[in-house]
Amino acid sequence: MANTNMPKKAVLADAGDISRTLALAFDDDPMMRWFFPEDATRPETLARYFSTLFTRQYLADGVCERTDGAAAFWVPAEAQEKAVPDGDTIQELIAILGDRAGLFKEAVETAAGHTPSEPHWSLALIGAAPAAQGTGQGAALLRSGLAQADAAGTPVYLESSKAANLPVYEHFGFRVREEFALPGGGPLLWGMWRDPR
């Protein structure tokens, strides 16, 4: 039996599996529920959203890894300026977000204003499908990315919109750096920082 917890590099052919995994993982996430409030269409819309982020933004310039039931997208320090959406990607995201696109734009701009200026790796997103939660797959992906950032001697930054995840990140050495609310009545985000080890 294959080890489902062993992180492997994600490739373009994984886009369908990864987007479905992340859609399941983020279905109860406060920020994703704010951007995609319709229960009936959220799974499909989230899958399109994550597929777009993976194929058009993080695959080329990020470090994308997966297990059978989880995925993580990291951005190394040297790729921070490249791993941003281009014009076509922005148009695709606007089409997916529909009437929530303006809120999304404000949220992205607000979060960008809180991003640390010092060189760092970013954990752009990590998620495990509910069936994989508690099996160590997310932890394996966290360890893998953190080991790469540590090897580069670089701190790591992430933003969480789910309070229940804060103790998990703290277990891996992150500390809350700041807390801020997204505009327009959006959810709270916690900016978290981890020094290299």
N, C-alpha and C. Protein backbone atom coordinates (compact mmCIF):
# COMPACT_ATOMS: atom_id res chain seq x y z
N MET A 1 0.84 -1.20 0.00
CA MET A 1 0.00 0.00 0.00
C MET A 1 0.88 1.25 0.00
N ALA A 2 0.55 2.21 -0.87
CA ALA A 2 1.33 3.44 -0.97
C ALA A 2 1.12 4.30 0.27
N ASN A 3 2.15 5.06 0.60
CA ASN A 3 2.05 5.98 1.74
C ASN A 3 1.32 7.24 1.28
N THR A 4 0.09 7.42 1.75
CA THR A 4 -0.71 8.57 1.32
C THR A 4 -0.25 9.87 1.96
N ASN A 5 0.63 9.77 2.96
CA ASN A 5 1.08 10.97 3.67
C ASN A 5 2.35 11.57 3.08
N MET A 6 2.98 10.90 2.12
CA MET A 6 4.25 11.39 1.58
C MET A 6 3.99 12.53 0.60
N PRO A 7 4.46 13.74 0.94
CA PRO A 7 4.25 14.85 0.01
C PRO A 7 4.97 14.59 -1.32
N LYS A 8 4.30 14.96 -2.39
CA LYS A 8 4.93 14.88 -3.70
C LYS A 8 4.66 16.18 -4.45
N LYS A 9 5.56 16.50 -5.35
CA LYS A 9 5.42 17.72 -6.14
C LYS A 9 4.13 17.63 -6.96
N ALA A 10 3.35 18.69 -6.92
CA ALA A 10 2.12 18.73 -7.69
C ALA A 10 2.43 19.18 -9.12
N VAL A 11 1.79 18.54 -10.07
CA VAL A 11 1.98 18.86 -11.49
C VAL A 11 0.63 19.24 -12.10
N LEU A 12 0.67 19.78 -13.31
CA LEU A 12 -0.55 20.27 -13.96
C LEU A 12 -1.65 19.20 -14.02
N ALA A 13 -1.27 17.96 -14.25
CA ALA A 13 -2.25 16.87 -14.35
C ALA A 13 -3.00 16.65 -13.03
N ASP A 14 -2.47 17.17 -11.93
CA ASP A 14 -3.11 17.03 -10.62
C ASP A 14 -4.19 18.08 -10.37
N ALA A 15 -4.37 19.01 -11.29
CA ALA A 15 -5.24 20.17 -11.05
C ALA A 15 -6.65 19.75 -10.62
N GLY A 16 -7.24 18.76 -11.28
CA GLY A 16 -8.60 18.35 -10.93
C GLY A 16 -8.69 17.80 -9.52
N ASP A 17 -7.76 16.89 -9.19
CA ASP A 17 -7.76 16.29 -7.85
C ASP A 17 -7.51 17.35 -6.78
N ILE A 18 -6.53 18.22 -7.03
CA ILE A 18 -6.19 19.25 -6.04
C ILE A 18 -7.35 20.22 -5.83
N SER A 19 -7.98 20.65 -6.92
CA SER A 19 -9.06 21.63 -6.77
C SER A 19 -10.26 21.01 -6.04
N ARG A 20 -10.55 19.73 -6.28
CA ARG A 20 -11.64 19.07 -5.55
C ARG A 20 -11.29 18.91 -4.07
N THR A 21 -10.03 18.52 -3.80
CA THR A 21 -9.58 18.37 -2.41
C THR A 21 -9.71 19.69 -1.65
N LEU A 22 -9.22 20.78 -2.28
CA LEU A 22 -9.25 22.08 -1.60
C LEU A 22 -10.67 22.61 -1.47
N ALA A 23 -11.54 22.34 -2.45
CA ALA A 23 -12.93 22.76 -2.34
C ALA A 23 -13.59 22.11 -1.12
N LEU A 24 -13.30 20.83 -0.89
CA LEU A 24 -13.83 20.15 0.29
C LEU A 24 -13.20 20.71 1.57
N ALA A 25 -11.90 20.96 1.52
CA ALA A 25 -11.17 21.43 2.70
C ALA A 25 -11.65 22.80 3.15
N PHE A 26 -11.97 23.67 2.20
CA PHE A 26 -12.30 25.06 2.52
C PHE A 26 -13.79 25.35 2.54
N ASP A 27 -14.62 24.31 2.44
CA ASP A 27 -16.07 24.53 2.41
C ASP A 27 -16.58 25.25 3.65
N ASP A 28 -15.95 25.00 4.80
CA ASP A 28 -16.41 25.65 6.04
C ASP A 28 -15.53 26.81 6.47
N ASP A 29 -14.63 27.24 5.61
CA ASP A 29 -13.72 28.34 5.93
C ASP A 29 -14.47 29.68 5.90
N PRO A 30 -14.33 30.48 6.97
CA PRO A 30 -15.09 31.75 7.02
C PRO A 30 -14.86 32.67 5.81
N MET A 31 -13.63 32.76 5.35
CA MET A 31 -13.36 33.66 4.22
C MET A 31 -13.97 33.10 2.94
N MET A 32 -13.84 31.80 2.70
CA MET A 32 -14.41 31.21 1.48
C MET A 32 -15.95 31.28 1.51
N ARG A 33 -16.54 31.13 2.69
CA ARG A 33 -18.00 31.25 2.79
C ARG A 33 -18.44 32.69 2.56
N TRP A 34 -17.58 33.63 2.88
CA TRP A 34 -17.89 35.05 2.65
C TRP A 34 -17.80 35.36 1.15
N PHE A 35 -16.77 34.84 0.48
CA PHE A 35 -16.63 35.07 -0.96
C PHE A 35 -17.66 34.28 -1.76
N PHE A 36 -17.99 33.08 -1.29
CA PHE A 36 -18.90 32.18 -2.02
C PHE A 36 -20.05 31.77 -1.08
N PRO A 37 -21.03 32.66 -0.87
CA PRO A 37 -22.05 32.43 0.16
C PRO A 37 -23.11 31.39 -0.21
N GLU A 38 -23.24 31.04 -1.47
CA GLU A 38 -24.30 30.12 -1.90
C GLU A 38 -23.90 28.66 -1.65
N ASP A 39 -24.59 28.02 -0.71
CA ASP A 39 -24.29 26.63 -0.37
C ASP A 39 -24.38 25.70 -1.58
N ALA A 40 -25.40 25.91 -2.41
CA ALA A 40 -25.65 24.99 -3.53
C ALA A 40 -24.52 25.00 -4.56
N THR A 41 -23.93 26.18 -4.79
CA THR A 41 -22.91 26.29 -5.84
C THR A 41 -21.49 26.34 -5.30
N ARG A 42 -21.33 26.43 -3.97
CA ARG A 42 -19.99 26.61 -3.41
C ARG A 42 -19.00 25.51 -3.82
N PRO A 43 -19.35 24.22 -3.72
CA PRO A 43 -18.35 23.21 -4.06
C PRO A 43 -17.77 23.36 -5.48
N GLU A 44 -18.66 23.57 -6.45
CA GLU A 44 -18.20 23.72 -7.84
C GLU A 44 -17.41 25.01 -8.03
N THR A 45 -17.92 26.09 -7.43
CA THR A 45 -17.25 27.39 -7.59
C THR A 45 -15.89 27.39 -6.90
N LEU A 46 -15.80 26.81 -5.71
CA LEU A 46 -14.52 26.70 -5.02
C LEU A 46 -13.53 25.88 -5.84
N ALA A 47 -13.99 24.80 -6.44
CA ALA A 47 -13.10 23.97 -7.26
C ALA A 47 -12.54 24.79 -8.43
N ARG A 48 -13.39 25.59 -9.08
CA ARG A 48 -12.92 26.44 -10.18
C ARG A 48 -11.91 27.47 -9.66
N TYR A 49 -12.22 28.06 -8.51
CA TYR A 49 -11.34 29.06 -7.90
C TYR A 49 -9.96 28.47 -7.61
N PHE A 50 -9.93 27.31 -6.94
CA PHE A 50 -8.63 26.72 -6.59
C PHE A 50 -7.89 26.20 -7.82
N SER A 51 -8.62 25.71 -8.81
CA SER A 51 -7.97 25.27 -10.04
C SER A 51 -7.28 26.45 -10.73
N THR A 52 -7.96 27.60 -10.75
CA THR A 52 -7.37 28.81 -11.35
C THR A 52 -6.12 29.24 -10.59
N LEU A 53 -6.21 29.29 -9.26
CA LEU A 53 -5.03 29.69 -8.48
C LEU A 53 -3.86 28.73 -8.72
N PHE A 54 -4.15 27.44 -8.72
CA PHE A 54 -3.10 26.44 -8.90
C PHE A 54 -2.47 26.53 -10.28
N THR A 55 -3.29 26.48 -11.33
CA THR A 55 -2.74 26.39 -12.69
C THR A 55 -2.17 27.71 -13.19
N ARG A 56 -2.77 28.83 -12.77
CA ARG A 56 -2.37 30.11 -13.35
C ARG A 56 -1.47 30.95 -12.47
N GLN A 57 -1.42 30.65 -11.15
CA GLN A 57 -0.65 31.52 -10.26
C GLN A 57 0.48 30.79 -9.54
N TYR A 58 0.18 29.65 -8.90
CA TYR A 58 1.19 29.04 -8.03
C TYR A 58 2.03 27.94 -8.68
N LEU A 59 1.51 27.28 -9.70
CA LEU A 59 2.24 26.16 -10.31
C LEU A 59 3.58 26.61 -10.89
N ALA A 60 3.59 27.76 -11.56
CA ALA A 60 4.81 28.23 -12.24
C ALA A 60 5.86 28.77 -11.26
N ASP A 61 5.44 29.53 -10.27
CA ASP A 61 6.39 30.25 -9.43
C ASP A 61 6.38 29.84 -7.96
N GLY A 62 5.45 28.98 -7.59
CA GLY A 62 5.37 28.53 -6.21
C GLY A 62 5.94 27.14 -6.04
N VAL A 63 5.83 26.65 -4.81
CA VAL A 63 6.17 25.27 -4.49
C VAL A 63 4.85 24.61 -4.14
N CYS A 64 4.35 23.77 -5.03
CA CYS A 64 3.05 23.13 -4.84
C CYS A 64 3.26 21.65 -4.56
N GLU A 65 2.75 21.20 -3.42
CA GLU A 65 2.88 19.80 -3.05
C GLU A 65 1.52 19.25 -2.68
N ARG A 66 1.42 17.92 -2.78
CA ARG A 66 0.15 17.27 -2.47
C ARG A 66 0.39 15.90 -1.86
N THR A 67 -0.64 15.42 -1.19
CA THR A 67 -0.74 14.03 -0.77
C THR A 67 -2.03 13.52 -1.40
N ASP A 68 -2.47 12.34 -1.03
CA ASP A 68 -3.72 11.83 -1.62
C ASP A 68 -4.94 12.66 -1.22
N GLY A 69 -4.89 13.29 -0.03
CA GLY A 69 -6.07 14.01 0.43
C GLY A 69 -5.82 15.43 0.87
N ALA A 70 -4.67 16.01 0.53
CA ALA A 70 -4.34 17.37 0.97
C ALA A 70 -3.44 18.04 -0.06
N ALA A 71 -3.36 19.36 0.03
CA ALA A 71 -2.48 20.12 -0.87
C ALA A 71 -2.01 21.38 -0.17
N ALA A 72 -0.83 21.86 -0.59
CA ALA A 72 -0.27 23.10 -0.05
C ALA A 72 0.43 23.86 -1.17
N PHE A 73 0.24 25.18 -1.16
CA PHE A 73 0.92 26.07 -2.11
C PHE A 73 1.78 27.04 -1.30
N TRP A 74 3.07 27.04 -1.58
CA TRP A 74 4.03 27.93 -0.92
C TRP A 74 4.63 28.87 -1.95
N VAL A 75 5.06 30.04 -1.49
CA VAL A 75 5.77 30.97 -2.38
C VAL A 75 7.11 31.30 -1.72
N PRO A 76 8.23 30.85 -2.33
CA PRO A 76 9.54 31.19 -1.79
C PRO A 76 9.79 32.70 -1.84
N ALA A 77 10.73 33.14 -1.01
CA ALA A 77 11.02 34.58 -0.92
C ALA A 77 11.33 35.18 -2.29
N GLU A 78 12.14 34.47 -3.08
CA GLU A 78 12.59 35.03 -4.36
C GLU A 78 11.48 35.06 -5.41
N ALA A 79 10.35 34.40 -5.15
CA ALA A 79 9.26 34.35 -6.13
C ALA A 79 8.08 35.23 -5.75
N GLN A 80 8.18 35.97 -4.64
CA GLN A 80 7.03 36.73 -4.15
C GLN A 80 6.47 37.70 -5.21
N GLU A 81 7.34 38.34 -5.97
CA GLU A 81 6.87 39.33 -6.94
C GLU A 81 6.32 38.68 -8.20
N LYS A 82 6.74 37.42 -8.47
CA LYS A 82 6.28 36.73 -9.68
C LYS A 82 4.98 35.97 -9.46
N ALA A 83 4.76 35.46 -8.25
CA ALA A 83 3.61 34.59 -7.98
C ALA A 83 2.37 35.42 -7.65
N VAL A 84 2.05 36.33 -8.54
CA VAL A 84 0.85 37.15 -8.40
C VAL A 84 0.02 36.97 -9.66
N PRO A 85 -1.28 37.15 -9.57
CA PRO A 85 -2.12 36.91 -10.76
C PRO A 85 -1.88 37.94 -11.85
N ASP A 86 -1.79 37.46 -13.10
CA ASP A 86 -1.69 38.37 -14.24
C ASP A 86 -3.10 38.84 -14.63
N GLY A 87 -3.18 39.67 -15.64
CA GLY A 87 -4.46 40.24 -16.05
C GLY A 87 -5.50 39.20 -16.41
N ASP A 88 -5.08 38.17 -17.17
CA ASP A 88 -6.02 37.11 -17.57
C ASP A 88 -6.53 36.34 -16.35
N THR A 89 -5.64 36.09 -15.40
CA THR A 89 -6.03 35.37 -14.19
C THR A 89 -7.03 36.20 -13.39
N ILE A 90 -6.77 37.49 -13.29
CA ILE A 90 -7.68 38.38 -12.57
C ILE A 90 -9.07 38.35 -13.22
N GLN A 91 -9.10 38.37 -14.56
CA GLN A 91 -10.40 38.32 -15.26
C GLN A 91 -11.11 37.00 -14.98
N GLU A 92 -10.36 35.91 -14.95
CA GLU A 92 -10.94 34.60 -14.66
C GLU A 92 -11.51 34.57 -13.23
N LEU A 93 -10.77 35.13 -12.29
CA LEU A 93 -11.24 35.17 -10.90
C LEU A 93 -12.50 36.03 -10.77
N ILE A 94 -12.53 37.15 -11.48
CA ILE A 94 -13.71 38.02 -11.46
C ILE A 94 -14.94 37.26 -11.97
N ALA A 95 -14.74 36.48 -13.04
CA ALA A 95 -15.86 35.69 -13.59
C ALA A 95 -16.34 34.65 -12.58
N ILE A 96 -15.41 34.04 -11.85
CA ILE A 96 -15.78 33.03 -10.86
C ILE A 96 -16.49 33.66 -9.67
N LEU A 97 -16.00 34.83 -9.23
CA LEU A 97 -16.52 35.49 -8.04
C LEU A 97 -17.84 36.23 -8.28
N GLY A 98 -18.08 36.60 -9.52
CA GLY A 98 -19.34 37.29 -9.83
C GLY A 98 -19.48 38.58 -9.04
N ASP A 99 -20.64 38.75 -8.37
CA ASP A 99 -20.90 40.00 -7.66
C ASP A 99 -20.07 40.15 -6.38
N ARG A 100 -19.28 39.13 -6.02
CA ARG A 100 -18.38 39.23 -4.86
C ARG A 100 -16.97 39.68 -5.27
N ALA A 101 -16.76 39.94 -6.54
CA ALA A 101 -15.42 40.30 -7.03
C ALA A 101 -14.89 41.57 -6.37
N GLY A 102 -15.76 42.55 -6.16
CA GLY A 102 -15.31 43.79 -5.52
C GLY A 102 -14.85 43.56 -4.09
N LEU A 103 -15.60 42.73 -3.35
CA LEU A 103 -15.20 42.38 -1.99
C LEU A 103 -13.87 41.66 -1.99
N PHE A 104 -13.71 40.76 -2.95
CA PHE A 104 -12.47 39.99 -3.07
C PHE A 104 -11.28 40.93 -3.32
N LYS A 105 -11.46 41.87 -4.24
CA LYS A 105 -10.39 42.83 -4.56
C LYS A 105 -10.01 43.63 -3.31
N GLU A 106 -11.01 44.11 -2.57
CA GLU A 106 -10.73 44.86 -1.34
C GLU A 106 -10.02 43.98 -0.31
N ALA A 107 -10.42 42.72 -0.22
CA ALA A 107 -9.81 41.80 0.74
C ALA A 107 -8.35 41.56 0.39
N VAL A 108 -8.07 41.33 -0.90
CA VAL A 108 -6.70 41.09 -1.36
C VAL A 108 -5.83 42.32 -1.08
N GLU A 109 -6.37 43.50 -1.36
CA GLU A 109 -5.61 44.74 -1.12
C GLU A 109 -5.36 44.95 0.37
N THR A 110 -6.37 44.66 1.19
CA THR A 110 -6.21 44.80 2.64
C THR A 110 -5.14 43.84 3.16
N ALA A 111 -5.24 42.57 2.75
CA ALA A 111 -4.25 41.58 3.19
C ALA A 111 -2.85 41.96 2.73
N ALA A 112 -2.74 42.45 1.49
CA ALA A 112 -1.43 42.85 0.97
C ALA A 112 -0.81 43.96 1.82
N GLY A 113 -1.66 44.82 2.35
CA GLY A 113 -1.17 45.90 3.21
C GLY A 113 -0.63 45.41 4.54
N HIS A 114 -0.93 44.17 4.90
CA HIS A 114 -0.45 43.59 6.16
C HIS A 114 0.69 42.60 5.94
N THR A 115 1.02 42.32 4.69
CA THR A 115 2.09 41.36 4.39
C THR A 115 3.43 41.94 4.84
N PRO A 116 4.22 41.16 5.58
CA PRO A 116 5.52 41.66 6.04
C PRO A 116 6.42 42.07 4.87
N SER A 117 7.22 43.11 5.10
CA SER A 117 8.10 43.61 4.04
C SER A 117 9.42 42.85 3.98
N GLU A 118 9.83 42.23 5.10
CA GLU A 118 11.10 41.52 5.09
C GLU A 118 11.00 40.23 4.25
N PRO A 119 12.10 39.77 3.66
CA PRO A 119 12.05 38.56 2.83
C PRO A 119 11.51 37.37 3.64
N HIS A 120 10.61 36.61 3.01
CA HIS A 120 10.00 35.47 3.69
C HIS A 120 9.39 34.52 2.67
N TRP A 121 9.17 33.30 3.10
CA TRP A 121 8.32 32.37 2.36
C TRP A 121 6.89 32.64 2.79
N SER A 122 5.93 32.39 1.90
CA SER A 122 4.51 32.47 2.25
C SER A 122 3.89 31.09 2.11
N LEU A 123 3.09 30.73 3.09
CA LEU A 123 2.22 29.57 2.93
C LEU A 123 0.92 30.15 2.39
N ALA A 124 0.76 30.09 1.07
CA ALA A 124 -0.40 30.70 0.42
C ALA A 124 -1.68 30.00 0.83
N LEU A 125 -1.66 28.67 0.83
CA LEU A 125 -2.80 27.92 1.34
C LEU A 125 -2.43 26.47 1.57
N ILE A 126 -3.13 25.87 2.49
CA ILE A 126 -2.98 24.45 2.79
C ILE A 126 -4.35 23.95 3.22
N GLY A 127 -4.68 22.76 2.76
CA GLY A 127 -5.97 22.20 3.13
C GLY A 127 -6.00 20.71 2.95
N ALA A 128 -6.76 20.05 3.81
CA ALA A 128 -6.99 18.61 3.71
C ALA A 128 -8.49 18.38 3.60
N ALA A 129 -8.87 17.49 2.71
CA ALA A 129 -10.28 17.12 2.61
C ALA A 129 -10.73 16.52 3.93
N PRO A 130 -12.00 16.68 4.30
CA PRO A 130 -12.47 16.16 5.60
C PRO A 130 -12.09 14.70 5.85
N ALA A 131 -12.15 13.86 4.82
CA ALA A 131 -11.81 12.44 4.99
C ALA A 131 -10.34 12.23 5.33
N ALA A 132 -9.50 13.21 4.98
CA ALA A 132 -8.06 13.09 5.25
C ALA A 132 -7.64 13.82 6.52
N GLN A 133 -8.55 14.59 7.13
CA GLN A 133 -8.18 15.34 8.33
C GLN A 133 -7.93 14.37 9.47
N GLY A 134 -6.87 14.64 10.22
CA GLY A 134 -6.50 13.76 11.32
C GLY A 134 -5.63 12.58 10.91
N THR A 135 -5.28 12.50 9.62
CA THR A 135 -4.45 11.39 9.15
C THR A 135 -2.98 11.78 9.00
N GLY A 136 -2.66 13.06 9.29
CA GLY A 136 -1.27 13.50 9.21
C GLY A 136 -0.85 14.03 7.85
N GLN A 137 -1.77 14.08 6.89
CA GLN A 137 -1.38 14.54 5.55
C GLN A 137 -1.08 16.04 5.53
N GLY A 138 -1.92 16.84 6.20
CA GLY A 138 -1.64 18.27 6.28
C GLY A 138 -0.34 18.55 7.03
N ALA A 139 -0.12 17.82 8.12
CA ALA A 139 1.11 17.99 8.90
C ALA A 139 2.34 17.64 8.06
N ALA A 140 2.22 16.59 7.24
CA ALA A 140 3.35 16.21 6.38
C ALA A 140 3.67 17.31 5.38
N LEU A 141 2.63 17.93 4.83
CA LEU A 141 2.84 19.03 3.89
C LEU A 141 3.44 20.24 4.60
N LEU A 142 2.97 20.53 5.80
CA LEU A 142 3.54 21.64 6.57
C LEU A 142 5.02 21.40 6.84
N ARG A 143 5.34 20.19 7.32
CA ARG A 143 6.76 19.88 7.62
C ARG A 143 7.63 20.01 6.38
N SER A 144 7.13 19.54 5.25
CA SER A 144 7.91 19.59 4.01
C SER A 144 8.22 21.03 3.60
N GLY A 145 7.21 21.88 3.57
CA GLY A 145 7.42 23.27 3.18
C GLY A 145 8.28 24.03 4.18
N LEU A 146 8.04 23.79 5.47
CA LEU A 146 8.84 24.47 6.50
C LEU A 146 10.31 24.04 6.42
N ALA A 147 10.55 22.77 6.11
CA ALA A 147 11.93 22.30 5.97
C ALA A 147 12.63 23.03 4.82
N GLN A 148 11.89 23.27 3.74
CA GLN A 148 12.49 23.99 2.60
C GLN A 148 12.78 25.44 2.96
N ALA A 149 11.85 26.08 3.67
CA ALA A 149 12.07 27.46 4.10
C ALA A 149 13.23 27.53 5.08
N ASP A 150 13.29 26.55 6.01
CA ASP A 150 14.40 26.51 6.97
C ASP A 150 15.73 26.33 6.26
N ALA A 151 15.75 25.47 5.24
CA ALA A 151 16.99 25.23 4.49
C ALA A 151 17.47 26.51 3.81
N ALA A 152 16.51 27.36 3.44
CA ALA A 152 16.84 28.66 2.82
C ALA A 152 17.13 29.72 3.87
N GLY A 153 16.95 29.36 5.16
CA GLY A 153 17.18 30.32 6.24
C GLY A 153 16.17 31.45 6.26
N THR A 154 14.95 31.16 5.82
CA THR A 154 13.94 32.20 5.62
C THR A 154 12.73 32.00 6.54
N PRO A 155 12.23 33.08 7.14
CA PRO A 155 10.99 32.97 7.92
C PRO A 155 9.81 32.68 7.00
N VAL A 156 8.68 32.32 7.62
CA VAL A 156 7.46 31.99 6.87
C VAL A 156 6.30 32.80 7.42
N TYR A 157 5.45 33.28 6.51
CA TYR A 157 4.25 34.04 6.86
C TYR A 157 3.03 33.33 6.29
N LEU A 158 1.94 33.36 7.03
CA LEU A 158 0.66 32.85 6.54
C LEU A 158 -0.45 33.69 7.11
N GLU A 159 -1.61 33.60 6.48
CA GLU A 159 -2.82 34.23 7.00
C GLU A 159 -3.87 33.14 7.16
N SER A 160 -4.50 33.09 8.32
CA SER A 160 -5.56 32.13 8.57
C SER A 160 -6.85 32.88 8.85
N SER A 161 -7.95 32.40 8.28
CA SER A 161 -9.25 33.00 8.58
C SER A 161 -10.08 32.07 9.46
N LYS A 162 -9.45 31.03 9.97
CA LYS A 162 -10.16 30.05 10.79
C LYS A 162 -9.46 29.95 12.15
N ALA A 163 -10.13 30.45 13.18
CA ALA A 163 -9.53 30.49 14.52
C ALA A 163 -9.11 29.10 14.99
N ALA A 164 -9.86 28.07 14.61
CA ALA A 164 -9.55 26.70 15.05
C ALA A 164 -8.21 26.21 14.54
N ASN A 165 -7.69 26.84 13.47
CA ASN A 165 -6.40 26.40 12.91
C ASN A 165 -5.20 27.04 13.61
N LEU A 166 -5.43 28.09 14.40
CA LEU A 166 -4.30 28.80 15.01
C LEU A 166 -3.46 27.88 15.89
N PRO A 167 -4.04 27.05 16.76
CA PRO A 167 -3.21 26.17 17.58
C PRO A 167 -2.38 25.18 16.76
N VAL A 168 -2.91 24.76 15.62
CA VAL A 168 -2.16 23.85 14.74
C VAL A 168 -0.90 24.55 14.25
N TYR A 169 -1.07 25.77 13.76
CA TYR A 169 0.09 26.51 13.26
C TYR A 169 1.06 26.84 14.40
N GLU A 170 0.53 27.16 15.57
CA GLU A 170 1.40 27.45 16.72
C GLU A 170 2.24 26.22 17.08
N HIS A 171 1.65 25.03 16.94
CA HIS A 171 2.38 23.79 17.19
C HIS A 171 3.61 23.68 16.28
N PHE A 172 3.51 24.24 15.08
CA PHE A 172 4.61 24.18 14.12
C PHE A 172 5.53 25.41 14.21
N GLY A 173 5.36 26.21 15.26
CA GLY A 173 6.30 27.31 15.50
C GLY A 173 5.84 28.68 15.06
N PHE A 174 4.63 28.79 14.53
CA PHE A 174 4.11 30.10 14.15
C PHE A 174 3.58 30.82 15.38
N ARG A 175 3.59 32.15 15.31
CA ARG A 175 2.95 32.95 16.35
C ARG A 175 2.11 34.01 15.64
N VAL A 176 1.03 34.40 16.30
CA VAL A 176 0.17 35.43 15.71
C VAL A 176 0.92 36.75 15.74
N ARG A 177 1.06 37.35 14.59
CA ARG A 177 1.76 38.63 14.46
C ARG A 177 0.77 39.78 14.54
N GLU A 178 -0.41 39.58 13.94
CA GLU A 178 -1.47 40.58 14.02
C GLU A 178 -2.79 39.96 13.61
N GLU A 179 -3.84 40.68 13.99
CA GLU A 179 -5.21 40.27 13.67
C GLU A 179 -5.86 41.46 13.00
N PHE A 180 -6.56 41.21 11.89
CA PHE A 180 -7.24 42.31 11.22
C PHE A 180 -8.50 41.79 10.53
N ALA A 181 -9.47 42.68 10.40
CA ALA A 181 -10.74 42.33 9.75
C ALA A 181 -10.69 42.75 8.29
N LEU A 182 -11.31 41.93 7.45
CA LEU A 182 -11.44 42.31 6.05
C LEU A 182 -12.54 43.36 5.92
N PRO A 183 -12.41 44.27 4.94
CA PRO A 183 -13.40 45.34 4.81
C PRO A 183 -14.75 44.81 4.37
N GLY A 184 -15.77 45.64 4.53
CA GLY A 184 -17.11 45.28 4.08
C GLY A 184 -17.78 44.24 4.96
N GLY A 185 -17.38 44.19 6.24
CA GLY A 185 -17.97 43.21 7.14
C GLY A 185 -17.41 41.81 6.99
N GLY A 186 -16.22 41.73 6.42
CA GLY A 186 -15.59 40.43 6.20
C GLY A 186 -15.06 39.81 7.48
N PRO A 187 -14.59 38.56 7.37
CA PRO A 187 -14.10 37.84 8.55
C PRO A 187 -12.75 38.37 9.02
N LEU A 188 -12.37 37.95 10.21
CA LEU A 188 -11.05 38.25 10.75
C LEU A 188 -10.01 37.39 10.06
N LEU A 189 -8.81 37.96 9.88
CA LEU A 189 -7.65 37.20 9.44
C LEU A 189 -6.58 37.33 10.51
N TRP A 190 -5.84 36.25 10.72
CA TRP A 190 -4.71 36.26 11.62
C TRP A 190 -3.44 36.09 10.80
N GLY A 191 -2.58 37.11 10.84
CA GLY A 191 -1.27 37.00 10.20
C GLY A 191 -0.33 36.30 11.17
N MET A 192 0.31 35.23 10.69
CA MET A 192 1.18 34.42 11.56
C MET A 192 2.57 34.33 10.97
N TRP A 193 3.56 34.29 11.86
CA TRP A 193 4.97 34.37 11.46
C TRP A 193 5.75 33.26 12.15
N ARG A 194 6.69 32.70 11.43
CA ARG A 194 7.56 31.66 12.00
C ARG A 194 9.00 31.96 11.59
N ASP A 195 9.87 32.11 12.58
CA ASP A 195 11.29 32.32 12.30
C ASP A 195 11.92 31.00 11.83
N PRO A 196 12.98 31.10 11.01
CA PRO A 196 13.62 29.86 10.54
C PRO A 196 14.28 29.09 11.67
N ARG A 197 14.41 27.81 11.48
CA ARG A 197 15.03 26.95 12.48
C ARG A 197 16.24 26.27 11.88
